[in-house]
Amino acid sequence: MITATIKEQDLTFQTSKDVFSPDGIDPGTLSMLSFVDFREGDKVLDLGCGYGVVGILAAKFVGPENVVMIDIEQKAVELAKENIERNGVQGIMVMESDGLKDMRESNFSLILSNPPYHVDFSVPKHFIEKSFNRLRMGGRMYMVTKRKEWYKNRLIAIFGGVKIWEENGYYIFMSEKNTTSYANNKKK
């Protein structure tokens, strides 16, 4: 069991050795969250939710009905559902999905992800390319990784631009879907 205070919210999470970062909340995730401002009216996707840190925190600010959490791992989805109950944010949609392949929801204002980046780039490539179409105009995608160049180049190619911060040895990326990025993406 992990307890943490993030953005002045006291949270508790059940974890398992079968999921990412079972012994404590990942420092990369915490770094990313320090740059995210949740706004009233946001619709949030926690892409690769693990045991639920990002989506549950988001629900505390935007309401559980405005949050969707997905993960490819069944155990992660089970733990996320338990942690939703534990943290009193019932109403979050949680589902097992291979990236965005099995999910039909769209019109997100925020997509947040700490993708697997220690293997090849196929998963983050899918996350970036498919997330663009799931964001509403003005929507933002945040990602956190330990690698910079590939992510910077991919986000610029898809979104037309990216802001990058470095914190605690991690790179936090934010790209926004706007009329310029949409027009450029339609030409591809």
N, C-alpha and C. Protein backbone atom coordinates (compact mmCIF):
# COMPACT_ATOMS: atom_id res chain seq x y z
N MET A 1 0.85 -1.19 0.00
CA MET A 1 0.00 0.00 0.00
C MET A 1 0.89 1.24 0.00
N ILE A 2 0.55 2.20 -0.85
CA ILE A 2 1.30 3.45 -0.96
C ILE A 2 0.37 4.60 -0.58
N THR A 3 0.87 5.53 0.22
CA THR A 3 0.13 6.76 0.48
C THR A 3 0.98 7.92 -0.01
N ALA A 4 0.32 8.93 -0.54
CA ALA A 4 1.02 10.09 -1.07
C ALA A 4 0.11 11.30 -1.05
N THR A 5 0.73 12.46 -0.99
CA THR A 5 0.00 13.72 -1.16
C THR A 5 0.55 14.36 -2.43
N ILE A 6 -0.34 14.51 -3.40
CA ILE A 6 0.02 15.09 -4.69
C ILE A 6 -0.93 16.25 -4.96
N LYS A 7 -0.40 17.40 -5.25
CA LYS A 7 -1.21 18.59 -5.49
C LYS A 7 -2.23 18.79 -4.35
N GLU A 8 -1.76 18.60 -3.14
CA GLU A 8 -2.55 18.78 -1.91
C GLU A 8 -3.69 17.78 -1.78
N GLN A 9 -3.64 16.68 -2.51
CA GLN A 9 -4.64 15.61 -2.41
C GLN A 9 -4.00 14.41 -1.73
N ASP A 10 -4.61 13.92 -0.65
CA ASP A 10 -4.13 12.73 0.04
C ASP A 10 -4.70 11.50 -0.66
N LEU A 11 -3.81 10.62 -1.12
CA LEU A 11 -4.21 9.46 -1.92
C LEU A 11 -3.59 8.19 -1.35
N THR A 12 -4.28 7.06 -1.57
CA THR A 12 -3.79 5.76 -1.15
C THR A 12 -3.96 4.78 -2.30
N PHE A 13 -2.91 3.97 -2.54
CA PHE A 13 -2.94 3.05 -3.66
C PHE A 13 -2.48 1.66 -3.24
N GLN A 14 -3.25 0.67 -3.64
CA GLN A 14 -2.83 -0.72 -3.55
C GLN A 14 -2.03 -1.02 -4.82
N THR A 15 -0.88 -1.67 -4.67
CA THR A 15 -0.07 -2.01 -5.83
C THR A 15 0.22 -3.50 -5.84
N SER A 16 1.02 -3.91 -6.77
CA SER A 16 1.40 -5.32 -6.91
C SER A 16 2.73 -5.38 -7.65
N LYS A 17 3.50 -6.39 -7.39
CA LYS A 17 4.77 -6.57 -8.09
C LYS A 17 4.56 -6.79 -9.58
N ASP A 18 3.33 -7.05 -9.99
CA ASP A 18 3.01 -7.31 -11.40
C ASP A 18 2.77 -6.04 -12.22
N VAL A 19 2.86 -4.87 -11.60
CA VAL A 19 2.61 -3.63 -12.33
C VAL A 19 3.80 -2.69 -12.21
N PHE A 20 3.82 -1.66 -13.04
CA PHE A 20 4.91 -0.68 -13.06
C PHE A 20 4.97 0.09 -11.74
N SER A 21 6.16 0.26 -11.22
CA SER A 21 6.47 1.06 -10.03
C SER A 21 5.66 0.63 -8.80
N PRO A 22 5.78 -0.65 -8.42
CA PRO A 22 4.96 -1.16 -7.30
C PRO A 22 5.37 -0.66 -5.92
N ASP A 23 6.59 -0.17 -5.77
CA ASP A 23 7.07 0.20 -4.43
C ASP A 23 6.89 1.67 -4.09
N GLY A 24 6.44 2.45 -5.06
CA GLY A 24 6.24 3.87 -4.82
C GLY A 24 5.83 4.54 -6.12
N ILE A 25 5.23 5.70 -6.00
CA ILE A 25 4.80 6.40 -7.20
C ILE A 25 6.03 6.80 -8.00
N ASP A 26 6.01 6.51 -9.28
CA ASP A 26 7.14 6.76 -10.15
C ASP A 26 7.52 8.24 -10.14
N PRO A 27 8.80 8.55 -9.95
CA PRO A 27 9.23 9.96 -9.93
C PRO A 27 8.96 10.69 -11.25
N GLY A 28 8.98 9.97 -12.36
CA GLY A 28 8.65 10.59 -13.65
C GLY A 28 7.20 11.04 -13.68
N THR A 29 6.32 10.18 -13.19
CA THR A 29 4.89 10.53 -13.12
C THR A 29 4.70 11.76 -12.24
N LEU A 30 5.35 11.79 -11.09
CA LEU A 30 5.23 12.94 -10.20
C LEU A 30 5.78 14.21 -10.87
N SER A 31 6.88 14.08 -11.60
CA SER A 31 7.44 15.23 -12.32
C SER A 31 6.45 15.74 -13.35
N MET A 32 5.85 14.84 -14.13
CA MET A 32 4.87 15.25 -15.14
C MET A 32 3.70 15.96 -14.47
N LEU A 33 3.18 15.38 -13.40
CA LEU A 33 2.01 15.96 -12.74
C LEU A 33 2.30 17.36 -12.20
N SER A 34 3.55 17.64 -11.88
CA SER A 34 3.88 18.97 -11.36
C SER A 34 3.71 20.06 -12.43
N PHE A 35 3.66 19.67 -13.70
CA PHE A 35 3.49 20.63 -14.80
C PHE A 35 2.06 20.69 -15.32
N VAL A 36 1.19 19.80 -14.88
CA VAL A 36 -0.17 19.73 -15.39
C VAL A 36 -1.10 20.55 -14.51
N ASP A 37 -1.88 21.41 -15.16
CA ASP A 37 -2.94 22.14 -14.47
C ASP A 37 -4.26 21.54 -14.91
N PHE A 38 -5.00 20.99 -13.96
CA PHE A 38 -6.33 20.47 -14.26
C PHE A 38 -7.30 21.64 -14.19
N ARG A 39 -8.14 21.76 -15.21
CA ARG A 39 -9.08 22.88 -15.30
C ARG A 39 -10.51 22.37 -15.29
N GLU A 40 -11.39 23.20 -14.75
CA GLU A 40 -12.81 22.86 -14.77
C GLU A 40 -13.22 22.63 -16.21
N GLY A 41 -13.97 21.57 -16.45
CA GLY A 41 -14.41 21.24 -17.80
C GLY A 41 -13.47 20.33 -18.56
N ASP A 42 -12.30 20.02 -17.98
CA ASP A 42 -11.38 19.10 -18.64
C ASP A 42 -11.99 17.71 -18.74
N LYS A 43 -11.68 17.04 -19.83
CA LYS A 43 -11.95 15.62 -20.02
C LYS A 43 -10.59 14.97 -20.16
N VAL A 44 -10.26 14.05 -19.25
CA VAL A 44 -8.90 13.55 -19.11
C VAL A 44 -8.81 12.07 -19.47
N LEU A 45 -7.78 11.72 -20.24
CA LEU A 45 -7.45 10.32 -20.51
C LEU A 45 -6.11 10.02 -19.84
N ASP A 46 -6.12 9.01 -18.97
CA ASP A 46 -4.89 8.47 -18.37
C ASP A 46 -4.51 7.27 -19.23
N LEU A 47 -3.55 7.48 -20.12
CA LEU A 47 -3.16 6.50 -21.13
C LEU A 47 -2.01 5.65 -20.60
N GLY A 48 -2.33 4.38 -20.27
CA GLY A 48 -1.37 3.50 -19.60
C GLY A 48 -1.44 3.76 -18.11
N CYS A 49 -2.63 3.60 -17.55
CA CYS A 49 -2.93 4.09 -16.20
C CYS A 49 -2.23 3.36 -15.06
N GLY A 50 -1.73 2.15 -15.30
CA GLY A 50 -1.15 1.42 -14.18
C GLY A 50 -2.18 1.26 -13.08
N TYR A 51 -1.76 1.43 -11.82
CA TYR A 51 -2.71 1.28 -10.71
C TYR A 51 -3.52 2.54 -10.43
N GLY A 52 -3.37 3.58 -11.28
CA GLY A 52 -4.36 4.65 -11.25
C GLY A 52 -3.96 6.02 -10.73
N VAL A 53 -2.70 6.27 -10.49
CA VAL A 53 -2.28 7.53 -9.86
C VAL A 53 -2.80 8.75 -10.62
N VAL A 54 -2.51 8.84 -11.91
CA VAL A 54 -2.82 10.04 -12.70
C VAL A 54 -4.33 10.25 -12.82
N GLY A 55 -5.05 9.21 -13.21
CA GLY A 55 -6.49 9.34 -13.40
C GLY A 55 -7.24 9.65 -12.12
N ILE A 56 -6.83 9.03 -11.03
CA ILE A 56 -7.50 9.27 -9.74
C ILE A 56 -7.23 10.69 -9.27
N LEU A 57 -5.99 11.15 -9.43
CA LEU A 57 -5.70 12.55 -9.08
C LEU A 57 -6.53 13.49 -9.96
N ALA A 58 -6.59 13.24 -11.25
CA ALA A 58 -7.37 14.08 -12.16
C ALA A 58 -8.83 14.16 -11.72
N ALA A 59 -9.39 13.02 -11.32
CA ALA A 59 -10.79 12.97 -10.90
C ALA A 59 -11.07 13.85 -9.69
N LYS A 60 -10.07 14.03 -8.84
CA LYS A 60 -10.24 14.90 -7.67
C LYS A 60 -10.45 16.35 -8.09
N PHE A 61 -9.95 16.72 -9.28
CA PHE A 61 -10.06 18.10 -9.76
C PHE A 61 -11.17 18.30 -10.79
N VAL A 62 -11.39 17.32 -11.65
CA VAL A 62 -12.35 17.52 -12.76
C VAL A 62 -13.61 16.67 -12.62
N GLY A 63 -13.66 15.82 -11.61
CA GLY A 63 -14.81 14.93 -11.41
C GLY A 63 -14.59 13.60 -12.10
N PRO A 64 -14.97 12.52 -11.44
CA PRO A 64 -14.74 11.18 -11.99
C PRO A 64 -15.43 10.92 -13.32
N GLU A 65 -16.55 11.57 -13.57
CA GLU A 65 -17.27 11.37 -14.82
C GLU A 65 -16.51 11.95 -16.02
N ASN A 66 -15.47 12.73 -15.76
CA ASN A 66 -14.68 13.35 -16.82
C ASN A 66 -13.31 12.70 -17.01
N VAL A 67 -13.16 11.47 -16.49
CA VAL A 67 -11.87 10.79 -16.56
C VAL A 67 -12.04 9.39 -17.15
N VAL A 68 -11.14 9.03 -18.05
CA VAL A 68 -11.07 7.69 -18.62
C VAL A 68 -9.66 7.18 -18.35
N MET A 69 -9.56 5.93 -17.89
CA MET A 69 -8.26 5.31 -17.62
C MET A 69 -8.17 4.01 -18.39
N ILE A 70 -7.05 3.82 -19.12
CA ILE A 70 -6.87 2.58 -19.87
C ILE A 70 -5.47 2.03 -19.66
N ASP A 71 -5.38 0.71 -19.73
CA ASP A 71 -4.08 0.03 -19.64
C ASP A 71 -4.22 -1.31 -20.35
N ILE A 72 -3.12 -1.79 -20.89
CA ILE A 72 -3.12 -3.08 -21.59
C ILE A 72 -3.13 -4.25 -20.60
N GLU A 73 -2.65 -4.02 -19.38
CA GLU A 73 -2.51 -5.08 -18.39
C GLU A 73 -3.77 -5.24 -17.55
N GLN A 74 -4.32 -6.45 -17.53
CA GLN A 74 -5.52 -6.72 -16.75
C GLN A 74 -5.30 -6.43 -15.26
N LYS A 75 -4.14 -6.79 -14.73
CA LYS A 75 -3.86 -6.56 -13.31
C LYS A 75 -3.87 -5.07 -12.99
N ALA A 76 -3.32 -4.26 -13.87
CA ALA A 76 -3.33 -2.81 -13.66
C ALA A 76 -4.76 -2.28 -13.62
N VAL A 77 -5.60 -2.74 -14.53
CA VAL A 77 -7.00 -2.31 -14.58
C VAL A 77 -7.72 -2.72 -13.29
N GLU A 78 -7.48 -3.94 -12.81
CA GLU A 78 -8.09 -4.39 -11.56
C GLU A 78 -7.67 -3.51 -10.39
N LEU A 79 -6.37 -3.22 -10.30
CA LEU A 79 -5.88 -2.37 -9.21
C LEU A 79 -6.42 -0.95 -9.33
N ALA A 80 -6.49 -0.42 -10.54
CA ALA A 80 -7.03 0.92 -10.74
C ALA A 80 -8.47 0.99 -10.24
N LYS A 81 -9.27 -0.04 -10.54
CA LYS A 81 -10.66 -0.08 -10.08
C LYS A 81 -10.73 -0.11 -8.55
N GLU A 82 -9.88 -0.92 -7.92
CA GLU A 82 -9.82 -0.95 -6.45
C GLU A 82 -9.44 0.42 -5.90
N ASN A 83 -8.46 1.05 -6.51
CA ASN A 83 -7.96 2.33 -6.02
C ASN A 83 -8.94 3.47 -6.24
N ILE A 84 -9.77 3.36 -7.25
CA ILE A 84 -10.85 4.33 -7.47
C ILE A 84 -11.79 4.30 -6.27
N GLU A 85 -12.20 3.10 -5.88
CA GLU A 85 -13.06 2.94 -4.69
C GLU A 85 -12.36 3.48 -3.45
N ARG A 86 -11.12 3.07 -3.25
CA ARG A 86 -10.33 3.43 -2.07
C ARG A 86 -10.21 4.95 -1.92
N ASN A 87 -10.15 5.66 -3.06
CA ASN A 87 -9.95 7.11 -3.02
C ASN A 87 -11.23 7.90 -3.25
N GLY A 88 -12.37 7.21 -3.28
CA GLY A 88 -13.67 7.89 -3.33
C GLY A 88 -13.96 8.65 -4.61
N VAL A 89 -13.52 8.11 -5.74
CA VAL A 89 -13.80 8.78 -7.02
C VAL A 89 -14.53 7.82 -7.97
N GLN A 90 -15.54 7.14 -7.45
CA GLN A 90 -16.33 6.23 -8.27
C GLN A 90 -16.93 6.99 -9.44
N GLY A 91 -16.99 6.32 -10.58
CA GLY A 91 -17.55 6.94 -11.78
C GLY A 91 -16.53 7.12 -12.89
N ILE A 92 -15.26 6.87 -12.59
CA ILE A 92 -14.23 6.91 -13.63
C ILE A 92 -14.43 5.70 -14.54
N MET A 93 -14.35 5.91 -15.85
CA MET A 93 -14.39 4.80 -16.79
C MET A 93 -12.99 4.19 -16.86
N VAL A 94 -12.88 2.88 -16.57
CA VAL A 94 -11.61 2.17 -16.62
C VAL A 94 -11.77 0.98 -17.54
N MET A 95 -10.81 0.78 -18.43
CA MET A 95 -10.92 -0.37 -19.31
C MET A 95 -9.56 -0.88 -19.74
N GLU A 96 -9.55 -2.16 -20.08
CA GLU A 96 -8.36 -2.78 -20.63
C GLU A 96 -8.34 -2.46 -22.13
N SER A 97 -7.22 -1.94 -22.60
CA SER A 97 -7.10 -1.58 -24.01
C SER A 97 -5.64 -1.61 -24.42
N ASP A 98 -5.37 -2.11 -25.60
CA ASP A 98 -4.04 -2.09 -26.18
C ASP A 98 -3.82 -0.70 -26.75
N GLY A 99 -3.25 0.18 -25.96
CA GLY A 99 -3.15 1.57 -26.36
C GLY A 99 -4.55 2.12 -26.57
N LEU A 100 -4.75 2.78 -27.69
CA LEU A 100 -6.07 3.35 -28.00
C LEU A 100 -6.88 2.46 -28.93
N LYS A 101 -6.40 1.25 -29.18
CA LYS A 101 -7.05 0.37 -30.16
C LYS A 101 -8.45 -0.08 -29.75
N ASP A 102 -8.68 -0.31 -28.47
CA ASP A 102 -9.95 -0.87 -28.01
C ASP A 102 -10.86 0.16 -27.36
N MET A 103 -10.50 1.43 -27.43
CA MET A 103 -11.26 2.49 -26.80
C MET A 103 -11.82 3.43 -27.85
N ARG A 104 -13.08 3.80 -27.71
CA ARG A 104 -13.72 4.66 -28.71
C ARG A 104 -13.89 6.10 -28.25
N GLU A 105 -13.66 6.38 -26.98
CA GLU A 105 -13.83 7.74 -26.44
C GLU A 105 -12.92 8.73 -27.17
N SER A 106 -13.39 9.98 -27.27
CA SER A 106 -12.57 11.04 -27.87
C SER A 106 -12.95 12.37 -27.24
N ASN A 107 -12.53 13.46 -27.83
CA ASN A 107 -12.83 14.80 -27.38
C ASN A 107 -12.20 15.12 -26.02
N PHE A 108 -10.98 14.61 -25.80
CA PHE A 108 -10.27 14.86 -24.55
C PHE A 108 -9.59 16.23 -24.61
N SER A 109 -9.55 16.89 -23.47
CA SER A 109 -8.79 18.14 -23.36
C SER A 109 -7.39 17.86 -22.83
N LEU A 110 -7.21 16.72 -22.16
CA LEU A 110 -5.91 16.32 -21.62
C LEU A 110 -5.70 14.83 -21.82
N ILE A 111 -4.56 14.47 -22.38
CA ILE A 111 -4.13 13.07 -22.41
C ILE A 111 -2.77 13.04 -21.73
N LEU A 112 -2.66 12.21 -20.70
CA LEU A 112 -1.46 12.14 -19.88
C LEU A 112 -0.89 10.73 -19.94
N SER A 113 0.44 10.62 -20.15
CA SER A 113 1.03 9.30 -20.29
C SER A 113 2.49 9.26 -19.85
N ASN A 114 2.82 8.20 -19.18
CA ASN A 114 4.20 7.84 -18.87
C ASN A 114 4.42 6.51 -19.60
N PRO A 115 4.73 6.58 -20.89
CA PRO A 115 4.75 5.37 -21.72
C PRO A 115 5.95 4.49 -21.42
N PRO A 116 5.85 3.21 -21.78
CA PRO A 116 7.04 2.35 -21.67
C PRO A 116 8.07 2.83 -22.69
N TYR A 117 9.24 3.22 -22.21
CA TYR A 117 10.24 3.78 -23.12
C TYR A 117 11.57 3.07 -23.03
N HIS A 118 11.62 1.94 -22.35
CA HIS A 118 12.88 1.20 -22.24
C HIS A 118 13.03 0.14 -23.31
N VAL A 119 12.05 0.00 -24.17
CA VAL A 119 12.13 -0.99 -25.25
C VAL A 119 12.21 -0.25 -26.57
N ASP A 120 11.40 -0.62 -27.54
CA ASP A 120 11.41 0.12 -28.80
C ASP A 120 10.40 1.27 -28.72
N PHE A 121 10.22 1.96 -29.82
CA PHE A 121 9.36 3.14 -29.82
C PHE A 121 7.95 2.85 -30.35
N SER A 122 7.60 1.59 -30.57
CA SER A 122 6.30 1.30 -31.18
C SER A 122 5.13 1.73 -30.30
N VAL A 123 5.23 1.54 -29.01
CA VAL A 123 4.11 1.93 -28.12
C VAL A 123 3.98 3.45 -28.04
N PRO A 124 5.05 4.19 -27.73
CA PRO A 124 4.87 5.64 -27.69
C PRO A 124 4.51 6.24 -29.05
N LYS A 125 4.97 5.63 -30.14
CA LYS A 125 4.59 6.10 -31.48
C LYS A 125 3.08 6.00 -31.65
N HIS A 126 2.51 4.84 -31.27
CA HIS A 126 1.06 4.65 -31.32
C HIS A 126 0.36 5.67 -30.42
N PHE A 127 0.86 5.83 -29.18
CA PHE A 127 0.25 6.76 -28.24
C PHE A 127 0.18 8.17 -28.82
N ILE A 128 1.28 8.65 -29.37
CA ILE A 128 1.34 10.01 -29.89
C ILE A 128 0.45 10.17 -31.12
N GLU A 129 0.60 9.28 -32.08
CA GLU A 129 -0.14 9.42 -33.33
C GLU A 129 -1.64 9.28 -33.13
N LYS A 130 -2.07 8.33 -32.33
CA LYS A 130 -3.51 8.11 -32.13
C LYS A 130 -4.12 9.11 -31.16
N SER A 131 -3.32 9.62 -30.23
CA SER A 131 -3.85 10.60 -29.28
C SER A 131 -4.23 11.90 -29.97
N PHE A 132 -3.48 12.27 -31.00
CA PHE A 132 -3.78 13.51 -31.72
C PHE A 132 -5.25 13.56 -32.12
N ASN A 133 -5.76 12.46 -32.66
CA ASN A 133 -7.14 12.43 -33.14
C ASN A 133 -8.17 12.31 -32.02
N ARG A 134 -7.72 11.99 -30.82
CA ARG A 134 -8.64 11.86 -29.69
C ARG A 134 -8.75 13.16 -28.88
N LEU A 135 -7.90 14.13 -29.20
CA LEU A 135 -7.94 15.42 -28.51
C LEU A 135 -8.91 16.37 -29.19
N ARG A 136 -9.59 17.19 -28.40
CA ARG A 136 -10.38 18.28 -28.96
C ARG A 136 -9.42 19.39 -29.38
N MET A 137 -9.89 20.32 -30.17
CA MET A 137 -9.07 21.46 -30.54
C MET A 137 -8.68 22.20 -29.26
N GLY A 138 -7.40 22.50 -29.13
CA GLY A 138 -6.89 23.14 -27.91
C GLY A 138 -6.50 22.14 -26.84
N GLY A 139 -6.75 20.85 -27.09
CA GLY A 139 -6.40 19.81 -26.14
C GLY A 139 -4.89 19.63 -26.07
N ARG A 140 -4.41 19.15 -24.92
CA ARG A 140 -2.97 19.01 -24.70
C ARG A 140 -2.62 17.57 -24.35
N MET A 141 -1.48 17.14 -24.85
CA MET A 141 -0.94 15.84 -24.50
C MET A 141 0.34 16.06 -23.71
N TYR A 142 0.44 15.40 -22.55
CA TYR A 142 1.65 15.42 -21.73
C TYR A 142 2.22 14.02 -21.71
N MET A 143 3.54 13.93 -21.86
CA MET A 143 4.25 12.66 -21.73
C MET A 143 5.50 12.90 -20.90
N VAL A 144 5.96 11.85 -20.24
CA VAL A 144 7.21 11.93 -19.49
C VAL A 144 8.07 10.73 -19.85
N THR A 145 9.35 10.99 -20.11
CA THR A 145 10.29 9.91 -20.45
C THR A 145 11.69 10.30 -19.97
N LYS A 146 12.61 9.39 -20.14
CA LYS A 146 14.03 9.69 -19.85
C LYS A 146 14.78 9.99 -21.15
N ARG A 147 14.10 9.85 -22.27
CA ARG A 147 14.71 10.12 -23.57
C ARG A 147 14.11 11.39 -24.14
N LYS A 148 14.93 12.13 -24.89
CA LYS A 148 14.44 13.42 -25.37
C LYS A 148 14.22 13.49 -26.87
N GLU A 149 15.24 13.22 -27.67
CA GLU A 149 15.21 13.56 -29.09
C GLU A 149 14.08 12.88 -29.87
N TRP A 150 13.93 11.57 -29.71
CA TRP A 150 12.90 10.87 -30.48
C TRP A 150 11.51 11.45 -30.18
N TYR A 151 11.22 11.65 -28.89
CA TYR A 151 9.91 12.17 -28.49
C TYR A 151 9.71 13.58 -29.01
N LYS A 152 10.72 14.42 -28.87
CA LYS A 152 10.63 15.79 -29.37
C LYS A 152 10.31 15.78 -30.86
N ASN A 153 11.04 15.00 -31.63
CA ASN A 153 10.84 14.95 -33.08
C ASN A 153 9.48 14.39 -33.46
N ARG A 154 9.03 13.35 -32.77
CA ARG A 154 7.74 12.73 -33.08
C ARG A 154 6.59 13.68 -32.75
N LEU A 155 6.66 14.33 -31.59
CA LEU A 155 5.60 15.26 -31.20
C LEU A 155 5.55 16.46 -32.14
N ILE A 156 6.70 16.95 -32.56
CA ILE A 156 6.72 18.06 -33.52
C ILE A 156 6.12 17.61 -34.85
N ALA A 157 6.46 16.40 -35.29
CA ALA A 157 5.93 15.89 -36.56
C ALA A 157 4.41 15.77 -36.53
N ILE A 158 3.85 15.37 -35.42
CA ILE A 158 2.41 15.15 -35.33
C ILE A 158 1.67 16.42 -34.92
N PHE A 159 2.17 17.14 -33.93
CA PHE A 159 1.46 18.30 -33.38
C PHE A 159 1.95 19.63 -33.93
N GLY A 160 3.13 19.65 -34.55
CA GLY A 160 3.66 20.90 -35.07
C GLY A 160 4.51 21.66 -34.07
N GLY A 161 4.56 21.19 -32.84
CA GLY A 161 5.37 21.86 -31.83
C GLY A 161 5.32 21.10 -30.52
N VAL A 162 6.23 21.45 -29.62
CA VAL A 162 6.27 20.79 -28.31
C VAL A 162 6.99 21.71 -27.32
N LYS A 163 6.52 21.73 -26.10
CA LYS A 163 7.25 22.37 -25.00
C LYS A 163 7.90 21.26 -24.20
N ILE A 164 9.13 21.49 -23.77
CA ILE A 164 9.87 20.45 -23.04
C ILE A 164 10.44 21.06 -21.77
N TRP A 165 10.23 20.35 -20.66
CA TRP A 165 10.83 20.71 -19.39
C TRP A 165 11.68 19.54 -18.93
N GLU A 166 12.71 19.84 -18.17
CA GLU A 166 13.53 18.77 -17.60
C GLU A 166 13.46 18.89 -16.08
N GLU A 167 13.15 17.77 -15.43
CA GLU A 167 13.05 17.76 -13.98
C GLU A 167 13.41 16.39 -13.45
N ASN A 168 14.29 16.35 -12.47
CA ASN A 168 14.67 15.11 -11.79
C ASN A 168 15.16 14.03 -12.75
N GLY A 169 15.82 14.42 -13.82
CA GLY A 169 16.34 13.46 -14.79
C GLY A 169 15.31 12.98 -15.80
N TYR A 170 14.13 13.60 -15.82
CA TYR A 170 13.07 13.24 -16.76
C TYR A 170 12.79 14.41 -17.70
N TYR A 171 12.27 14.08 -18.87
CA TYR A 171 11.79 15.09 -19.81
C TYR A 171 10.27 15.05 -19.80
N ILE A 172 9.67 16.20 -19.63
CA ILE A 172 8.22 16.31 -19.67
C ILE A 172 7.90 17.07 -20.95
N PHE A 173 7.04 16.49 -21.76
CA PHE A 173 6.67 17.05 -23.06
C PHE A 173 5.21 17.46 -23.01
N MET A 174 4.89 18.59 -23.65
CA MET A 174 3.51 19.00 -23.79
C MET A 174 3.31 19.52 -25.21
N SER A 175 2.35 18.92 -25.90
CA SER A 175 1.98 19.38 -27.23
C SER A 175 0.50 19.68 -27.24
N GLU A 176 0.13 20.69 -28.01
CA GLU A 176 -1.26 21.12 -28.07
C GLU A 176 -1.80 20.94 -29.49
N LYS A 177 -3.03 20.45 -29.56
CA LYS A 177 -3.70 20.35 -30.85
C LYS A 177 -4.33 21.71 -31.14
N ASN A 178 -3.86 22.35 -32.21
CA ASN A 178 -4.42 23.65 -32.59
C ASN A 178 -4.70 23.65 -34.09
N THR A 179 -5.19 24.75 -34.60
CA THR A 179 -5.59 24.78 -36.01
C THR A 179 -4.40 24.53 -36.94
N THR A 180 -3.22 25.00 -36.56
CA THR A 180 -2.04 24.77 -37.39
C THR A 180 -1.66 23.30 -37.40
N SER A 181 -1.61 22.67 -36.22
CA SER A 181 -1.24 21.25 -36.16
C SER A 181 -2.28 20.39 -36.85
N TYR A 182 -3.55 20.76 -36.73
CA TYR A 182 -4.62 20.00 -37.36
C TYR A 182 -4.50 20.07 -38.89
N ALA A 183 -4.26 21.27 -39.42
CA ALA A 183 -4.13 21.44 -40.87
C ALA A 183 -2.92 20.66 -41.39
N ASN A 184 -1.80 20.73 -40.68
CA ASN A 184 -0.60 20.00 -41.10
C ASN A 184 -0.84 18.49 -41.06
N ASN A 185 -1.55 18.02 -40.05
CA ASN A 185 -1.79 16.59 -39.90
C ASN A 185 -2.76 16.08 -40.97
N LYS A 186 -3.70 16.91 -41.39
CA LYS A 186 -4.65 16.50 -42.43
C LYS A 186 -3.96 16.31 -43.78
N LYS A 187 -2.84 16.99 -44.01
CA LYS A 187 -2.11 16.89 -45.27
C LYS A 187 -1.34 15.58 -45.39
N LYS A 188 -1.09 14.93 -44.25
CA LYS A 188 -0.26 13.70 -44.26
C LYS A 188 -1.06 12.53 -44.76
